[in-house]
Amino acid sequence: LDDLKDAMAAVRPGAWDDAGAAYGPQISVTAQERILGYIQKGKKEGASCLLDGSACRVEGMPDGNWVGPTLFADVTTDMSIYRDEIFGPVLVTISADTLDEAIEIINQNSFGNGVSLFTSSGGAARKFQSEIQVGQVGINVPIPVPLPFFSFTGWKSSFFGDHHAYGKQAVRFYTETKTVTARWYDDDAVADTNMTIRLS
């Protein structure tokens, strides 16, 4: 986690015209306060806060809804920072000894938006993508957001509505389907209209 911490510490928020900024402020004060509340909950529940972005400030913009990169370790599945979707620059880490254990941990979570596996093993990748109960899966891809012709949404509590957004499922939602079953004989192409039913 030391390398991850160092990499996250180098990431900073900023204004839209700041070429060195990785992301902007939170959309509202409410969103900022919600994220900061989760950071405090994580500390209170016993997680190790390796990098704390609660006091983030951006020069020249003192009133911005800033939250800096935050990293938690020693997280357990009963903690609110694991159970809830924070939607902020907060990364929570939980350890697993085996791939089977990691898959079980993920599948037991009530959400299923996106998940990634980084591996050089094709067997591990096949097992992961087959057994994981998540709507968007990345293999050696950090953010598994699909191209527009694929469906975009999660599973379980990460999914709202009746159908997944765009892709084939969105087209099918607004489509009235028709099934045509046909059989042609060689002489039919030049024959006149025949109203009898051919049974053989």
C-alpha atoms as a PDB file:
ATOM      1  CA  LEU A   1       0.000   0.000   0.000  1.00  0.00           C
ATOM      2  CA  ASP A   2       2.973   2.334   0.331  1.00  0.00           C
ATOM      3  CA  ASP A   3       3.293   2.747  -3.437  1.00  0.00           C
ATOM      4  CA  LEU A   4      -0.446   3.323  -3.725  1.00  0.00           C
ATOM      5  CA  LYS A   5      -0.320   5.938  -0.996  1.00  0.00           C
ATOM      6  CA  ASP A   6       2.537   7.776  -2.709  1.00  0.00           C
ATOM      7  CA  ALA A   7       0.723   7.730  -6.045  1.00  0.00           C
ATOM      8  CA  MET A   8      -2.483   9.036  -4.503  1.00  0.00           C
ATOM      9  CA  ALA A   9      -0.623  11.746  -2.602  1.00  0.00           C
ATOM     10  CA  ALA A  10       0.630  13.098  -5.933  1.00  0.00           C
ATOM     11  CA  VAL A  11      -2.944  13.478  -7.197  1.00  0.00           C
ATOM     12  CA  ARG A  12      -4.512  16.860  -6.544  1.00  0.00           C
ATOM     13  CA  PRO A  13      -7.810  18.566  -7.303  1.00  0.00           C
ATOM     14  CA  GLY A  14      -8.059  21.957  -8.931  1.00  0.00           C
ATOM     15  CA  ALA A  15      -9.892  24.276 -11.289  1.00  0.00           C
ATOM     16  CA  TRP A  16     -11.045  23.212 -14.758  1.00  0.00           C
ATOM     17  CA  ASP A  17      -8.255  25.227 -16.420  1.00  0.00           C
ATOM     18  CA  ASP A  18      -5.501  23.797 -14.219  1.00  0.00           C
ATOM     19  CA  ALA A  19      -3.628  21.320 -16.422  1.00  0.00           C
ATOM     20  CA  GLY A  20      -2.056  19.657 -13.398  1.00  0.00           C
ATOM     21  CA  ALA A  21      -5.343  18.973 -11.615  1.00  0.00           C
ATOM     22  CA  ALA A  22      -6.723  15.443 -11.705  1.00  0.00           C
ATOM     23  CA  TYR A  23     -10.291  16.358 -10.747  1.00  0.00           C
ATOM     24  CA  GLY A  24     -12.426  19.286  -9.669  1.00  0.00           C
ATOM     25  CA  PRO A  25     -14.432  20.180  -6.567  1.00  0.00           C
ATOM     26  CA  GLN A  26     -17.406  18.186  -5.365  1.00  0.00           C
ATOM     27  CA  ILE A  27     -20.691  19.144  -7.011  1.00  0.00           C
ATOM     28  CA  SER A  28     -22.114  20.767  -3.867  1.00  0.00           C
ATOM     29  CA  VAL A  29     -21.450  21.513  -0.213  1.00  0.00           C
ATOM     30  CA  THR A  30     -23.843  18.673   0.606  1.00  0.00           C
ATOM     31  CA  ALA A  31     -21.757  16.221  -1.414  1.00  0.00           C
ATOM     32  CA  GLN A  32     -18.555  17.465   0.220  1.00  0.00           C
ATOM     33  CA  GLU A  33     -20.012  17.144   3.716  1.00  0.00           C
ATOM     34  CA  ARG A  34     -21.291  13.638   2.958  1.00  0.00           C
ATOM     35  CA  ILE A  35     -17.834  12.491   1.830  1.00  0.00           C
ATOM     36  CA  LEU A  36     -16.098  14.151   4.776  1.00  0.00           C
ATOM     37  CA  GLY A  37     -18.624  12.445   7.038  1.00  0.00           C
ATOM     38  CA  TYR A  38     -17.654   9.053   5.637  1.00  0.00           C
ATOM     39  CA  ILE A  39     -13.970   9.805   6.210  1.00  0.00           C
ATOM     40  CA  GLN A  40     -14.731  10.549   9.847  1.00  0.00           C
ATOM     41  CA  LYS A  41     -16.864   7.402  10.122  1.00  0.00           C
ATOM     42  CA  GLY A  42     -14.022   5.314   8.740  1.00  0.00           C
ATOM     43  CA  LYS A  43     -11.635   6.609  11.359  1.00  0.00           C
ATOM     44  CA  LYS A  44     -14.188   6.147  14.135  1.00  0.00           C
ATOM     45  CA  GLU A  45     -14.987   2.573  13.047  1.00  0.00           C
ATOM     46  CA  GLY A  46     -11.328   1.568  13.282  1.00  0.00           C
ATOM     47  CA  ALA A  47      -9.996   1.702   9.731  1.00  0.00           C
ATOM     48  CA  SER A  48      -6.455   2.983   9.240  1.00  0.00           C
ATOM     49  CA  CYS A  49      -6.476   6.283   7.364  1.00  0.00           C
ATOM     50  CA  LEU A  50      -3.174   6.203   5.478  1.00  0.00           C
ATOM     51  CA  LEU A  51      -3.928   9.370   3.522  1.00  0.00           C
ATOM     52  CA  ASP A  52      -6.441  11.965   4.697  1.00  0.00           C
ATOM     53  CA  GLY A  53      -7.908  14.465   2.250  1.00  0.00           C
ATOM     54  CA  SER A  54     -10.302  16.084   4.706  1.00  0.00           C
ATOM     55  CA  ALA A  55      -8.330  19.313   5.035  1.00  0.00           C
ATOM     56  CA  CYS A  56      -7.722  19.762   1.310  1.00  0.00           C
ATOM     57  CA  ARG A  57      -7.325  23.369   0.146  1.00  0.00           C
ATOM     58  CA  VAL A  58      -6.758  24.772  -3.327  1.00  0.00           C
ATOM     59  CA  GLU A  59      -4.845  28.023  -3.615  1.00  0.00           C
ATOM     60  CA  GLY A  60      -6.992  30.940  -4.749  1.00  0.00           C
ATOM     61  CA  MET A  61     -10.228  29.005  -4.234  1.00  0.00           C
ATOM     62  CA  PRO A  62     -10.884  28.926  -0.487  1.00  0.00           C
ATOM     63  CA  ASP A  63     -14.627  28.388  -0.874  1.00  0.00           C
ATOM     64  CA  GLY A  64     -14.441  25.360  -3.155  1.00  0.00           C
ATOM     65  CA  ASN A  65     -15.989  22.026  -2.128  1.00  0.00           C
ATOM     66  CA  TRP A  66     -12.605  20.331  -2.061  1.00  0.00           C
ATOM     67  CA  VAL A  67     -11.856  16.823  -0.861  1.00  0.00           C
ATOM     68  CA  GLY A  68      -8.367  15.431  -1.322  1.00  0.00           C
ATOM     69  CA  PRO A  69      -7.437  11.818  -2.097  1.00  0.00           C
ATOM     70  CA  THR A  70      -8.091   9.591   0.904  1.00  0.00           C
ATOM     71  CA  LEU A  71      -6.861   6.044   1.454  1.00  0.00           C
ATOM     72  CA  PHE A  72      -8.114   3.583   4.070  1.00  0.00           C
ATOM     73  CA  ALA A  73      -6.564   0.255   5.025  1.00  0.00           C
ATOM     74  CA  ASP A  74      -7.597  -2.449   7.514  1.00  0.00           C
ATOM     75  CA  VAL A  75     -11.197  -2.110   6.377  1.00  0.00           C
ATOM     76  CA  THR A  76     -13.735  -4.783   7.304  1.00  0.00           C
ATOM     77  CA  THR A  77     -17.034  -5.635   5.640  1.00  0.00           C
ATOM     78  CA  ASP A  78     -19.115  -4.295   8.535  1.00  0.00           C
ATOM     79  CA  MET A  79     -17.769  -0.738   8.210  1.00  0.00           C
ATOM     80  CA  SER A  80     -19.964   1.927   6.616  1.00  0.00           C
ATOM     81  CA  ILE A  81     -17.129   3.045   4.311  1.00  0.00           C
ATOM     82  CA  TYR A  82     -17.204  -0.460   2.819  1.00  0.00           C
ATOM     83  CA  ARG A  83     -20.962  -1.049   2.858  1.00  0.00           C
ATOM     84  CA  ASP A  84     -21.976   2.279   1.273  1.00  0.00           C
ATOM     85  CA  GLU A  85     -21.096   3.886  -2.046  1.00  0.00           C
ATOM     86  CA  ILE A  86     -19.214   7.061  -1.146  1.00  0.00           C
ATOM     87  CA  PHE A  87     -18.898   8.591  -4.638  1.00  0.00           C
ATOM     88  CA  GLY A  88     -15.857  10.664  -3.771  1.00  0.00           C
ATOM     89  CA  PRO A  89     -12.035  10.492  -3.876  1.00  0.00           C
ATOM     90  CA  VAL A  90     -11.943   7.889  -1.101  1.00  0.00           C
ATOM     91  CA  LEU A  91     -10.355   4.486  -1.675  1.00  0.00           C
ATOM     92  CA  VAL A  92     -11.044   1.748   0.848  1.00  0.00           C
ATOM     93  CA  THR A  93      -8.953  -1.415   0.781  1.00  0.00           C
ATOM     94  CA  ILE A  94      -9.789  -4.803   2.196  1.00  0.00           C
ATOM     95  CA  SER A  95      -7.435  -7.773   2.155  1.00  0.00           C
ATOM     96  CA  ALA A  96      -8.099 -11.278   0.852  1.00  0.00           C
ATOM     97  CA  ASP A  97      -5.748 -14.267   0.931  1.00  0.00           C
ATOM     98  CA  THR A  98      -7.092 -16.002  -2.193  1.00  0.00           C
ATOM     99  CA  LEU A  99      -8.977 -15.179  -5.370  1.00  0.00           C
ATOM    100  CA  ASP A 100     -11.929 -17.237  -4.123  1.00  0.00           C
ATOM    101  CA  GLU A 101     -12.058 -15.173  -0.952  1.00  0.00           C
ATOM    102  CA  ALA A 102     -11.875 -11.929  -2.925  1.00  0.00           C
ATOM    103  CA  ILE A 103     -14.744 -13.012  -5.179  1.00  0.00           C
ATOM    104  CA  GLU A 104     -16.830 -14.018  -2.162  1.00  0.00           C
ATOM    105  CA  ILE A 105     -16.227 -10.644  -0.482  1.00  0.00           C
ATOM    106  CA  ILE A 106     -17.318  -8.759  -3.604  1.00  0.00           C
ATOM    107  CA  ASN A 107     -20.365 -10.937  -4.243  1.00  0.00           C
ATOM    108  CA  GLN A 108     -21.592 -10.494  -0.671  1.00  0.00           C
ATOM    109  CA  ASN A 109     -21.670  -6.721  -1.107  1.00  0.00           C
ATOM    110  CA  SER A 110     -25.148  -5.345  -1.800  1.00  0.00           C
ATOM    111  CA  PHE A 111     -23.832  -3.195  -4.656  1.00  0.00           C
ATOM    112  CA  GLY A 112     -22.527  -4.354  -8.001  1.00  0.00           C
ATOM    113  CA  ASN A 113     -21.600  -1.365 -10.145  1.00  0.00           C
ATOM    114  CA  GLY A 114     -18.065  -1.945 -11.437  1.00  0.00           C
ATOM    115  CA  VAL A 115     -15.084  -4.117 -10.524  1.00  0.00           C
ATOM    116  CA  SER A 116     -11.608  -4.746 -11.926  1.00  0.00           C
ATOM    117  CA  LEU A 117      -9.025  -7.505 -11.684  1.00  0.00           C
ATOM    118  CA  PHE A 118      -5.353  -6.967 -12.480  1.00  0.00           C
ATOM    119  CA  THR A 119      -3.641 -10.224 -13.346  1.00  0.00           C
ATOM    120  CA  SER A 120      -1.292 -11.934 -15.789  1.00  0.00           C
ATOM    121  CA  SER A 121      -3.222 -15.196 -15.390  1.00  0.00           C
ATOM    122  CA  GLY A 122      -5.816 -16.009 -18.027  1.00  0.00           C
ATOM    123  CA  GLY A 123      -7.286 -18.675 -15.761  1.00  0.00           C
ATOM    124  CA  ALA A 124      -7.745 -16.203 -12.916  1.00  0.00           C
ATOM    125  CA  ALA A 125      -9.337 -13.704 -15.301  1.00  0.00           C
ATOM    126  CA  ARG A 126     -11.791 -16.293 -16.662  1.00  0.00           C
ATOM    127  CA  LYS A 127     -12.753 -17.433 -13.160  1.00  0.00           C
ATOM    128  CA  PHE A 128     -13.206 -13.847 -11.980  1.00  0.00           C
ATOM    129  CA  GLN A 129     -15.336 -12.650 -14.884  1.00  0.00           C
ATOM    130  CA  SER A 130     -17.515 -15.780 -14.739  1.00  0.00           C
ATOM    131  CA  GLU A 131     -18.172 -15.827 -11.002  1.00  0.00           C
ATOM    132  CA  ILE A 132     -18.305 -12.143 -10.102  1.00  0.00           C
ATOM    133  CA  GLN A 133     -21.789 -10.680  -9.580  1.00  0.00           C
ATOM    134  CA  VAL A 134     -21.170  -7.199 -10.938  1.00  0.00           C
ATOM    135  CA  GLY A 135     -22.563  -5.471 -14.017  1.00  0.00           C
ATOM    136  CA  GLN A 136     -19.340  -3.977 -15.386  1.00  0.00           C
ATOM    137  CA  VAL A 137     -16.134  -6.001 -15.197  1.00  0.00           C
ATOM    138  CA  GLY A 138     -12.658  -4.863 -16.178  1.00  0.00           C
ATOM    139  CA  ILE A 139      -9.667  -7.134 -16.686  1.00  0.00           C
ATOM    140  CA  ASN A 140      -6.467  -5.091 -16.379  1.00  0.00           C
ATOM    141  CA  VAL A 141      -8.642  -2.006 -16.903  1.00  0.00           C
ATOM    142  CA  PRO A 142      -8.983   0.367 -13.920  1.00  0.00           C
ATOM    143  CA  ILE A 143     -12.434   1.812 -14.680  1.00  0.00           C
ATOM    144  CA  PRO A 144     -14.607  -0.683 -16.589  1.00  0.00           C
ATOM    145  CA  VAL A 145     -16.936   1.825 -18.268  1.00  0.00           C
ATOM    146  CA  PRO A 146     -17.997   0.170 -21.539  1.00  0.00           C
ATOM    147  CA  LEU A 147     -18.342   1.646 -25.005  1.00  0.00           C
ATOM    148  CA  PRO A 148     -21.802   3.062 -25.850  1.00  0.00           C
ATOM    149  CA  PHE A 149     -23.000  -0.032 -27.707  1.00  0.00           C
ATOM    150  CA  PHE A 150     -22.713  -2.061 -24.492  1.00  0.00           C
ATOM    151  CA  SER A 151     -25.031  -1.719 -21.518  1.00  0.00           C
ATOM    152  CA  PHE A 152     -23.871   0.659 -18.806  1.00  0.00           C
ATOM    153  CA  THR A 153     -25.036   0.010 -15.278  1.00  0.00           C
ATOM    154  CA  GLY A 154     -24.426  -2.122 -12.251  1.00  0.00           C
ATOM    155  CA  TRP A 155     -26.269  -4.996 -10.652  1.00  0.00           C
ATOM    156  CA  LYS A 156     -28.090  -5.380  -7.360  1.00  0.00           C
ATOM    157  CA  SER A 157     -28.426  -2.102  -5.424  1.00  0.00           C
ATOM    158  CA  SER A 158     -26.333  -0.288  -8.050  1.00  0.00           C
ATOM    159  CA  PHE A 159     -29.162  -0.646 -10.578  1.00  0.00           C
ATOM    160  CA  PHE A 160     -32.326   1.439 -10.800  1.00  0.00           C
ATOM    161  CA  GLY A 161     -35.229   1.032 -13.212  1.00  0.00           C
ATOM    162  CA  ASP A 162     -36.343  -1.771 -15.493  1.00  0.00           C
ATOM    163  CA  HIS A 163     -33.577  -1.872 -18.077  1.00  0.00           C
ATOM    164  CA  HIS A 164     -29.894  -1.071 -18.391  1.00  0.00           C
ATOM    165  CA  ALA A 165     -28.891   2.190 -20.057  1.00  0.00           C
ATOM    166  CA  TYR A 166     -28.083   2.216 -23.754  1.00  0.00           C
ATOM    167  CA  GLY A 167     -26.687  -0.693 -25.686  1.00  0.00           C
ATOM    168  CA  LYS A 168     -28.949  -3.425 -27.045  1.00  0.00           C
ATOM    169  CA  GLN A 169     -31.138  -3.504 -23.942  1.00  0.00           C
ATOM    170  CA  ALA A 170     -32.101   0.154 -24.344  1.00  0.00           C
ATOM    171  CA  VAL A 171     -32.971  -0.415 -28.010  1.00  0.00           C
ATOM    172  CA  ARG A 172     -35.055  -3.469 -27.114  1.00  0.00           C
ATOM    173  CA  PHE A 173     -36.975  -1.474 -24.494  1.00  0.00           C
ATOM    174  CA  TYR A 174     -38.351   0.819 -27.216  1.00  0.00           C
ATOM    175  CA  THR A 175     -38.700  -1.842 -29.904  1.00  0.00           C
ATOM    176  CA  GLU A 176     -41.722  -3.929 -30.878  1.00  0.00           C
ATOM    177  CA  THR A 177     -40.263  -7.200 -32.084  1.00  0.00           C
ATOM    178  CA  LYS A 178     -41.471  -9.383 -34.930  1.00  0.00           C
ATOM    179  CA  THR A 179     -40.513 -13.011 -35.566  1.00  0.00           C
ATOM    180  CA  VAL A 180     -40.564 -14.276 -39.152  1.00  0.00           C
ATOM    181  CA  THR A 181     -40.148 -17.986 -39.884  1.00  0.00           C
ATOM    182  CA  ALA A 182     -39.730 -18.802 -43.588  1.00  0.00           C
ATOM    183  CA  ARG A 183     -38.872 -21.688 -45.862  1.00  0.00           C
ATOM    184  CA  TRP A 184     -38.218 -21.409 -49.600  1.00  0.00           C
ATOM    185  CA  TYR A 185     -38.280 -23.992 -52.379  1.00  0.00           C
ATOM    186  CA  ASP A 186     -36.326 -23.721 -55.600  1.00  0.00           C
ATOM    187  CA  ASP A 187     -39.399 -23.329 -57.829  1.00  0.00           C
ATOM    188  CA  ASP A 188     -41.107 -20.760 -55.615  1.00  0.00           C
ATOM    189  CA  ALA A 189     -39.030 -17.908 -56.997  1.00  0.00           C
ATOM    190  CA  VAL A 190     -40.764 -18.100 -60.423  1.00  0.00           C
ATOM    191  CA  ALA A 191     -44.119 -19.635 -59.444  1.00  0.00           C
ATOM    192  CA  ASP A 192     -47.421 -17.780 -59.214  1.00  0.00           C
ATOM    193  CA  THR A 193     -49.035 -17.089 -55.828  1.00  0.00           C
ATOM    194  CA  ASN A 194     -50.169 -20.363 -54.257  1.00  0.00           C
ATOM    195  CA  MET A 195     -52.665 -20.284 -51.380  1.00  0.00           C
ATOM    196  CA  THR A 196     -52.320 -23.982 -50.433  1.00  0.00           C
ATOM    197  CA  ILE A 197     -50.345 -25.173 -47.413  1.00  0.00           C
ATOM    198  CA  ARG A 198     -47.429 -27.372 -48.304  1.00  0.00           C
ATOM    199  CA  LEU A 199     -46.824 -29.999 -45.637  1.00  0.00           C
ATOM    200  CA  SER A 200     -43.782 -31.772 -47.012  1.00  0.00           C
END
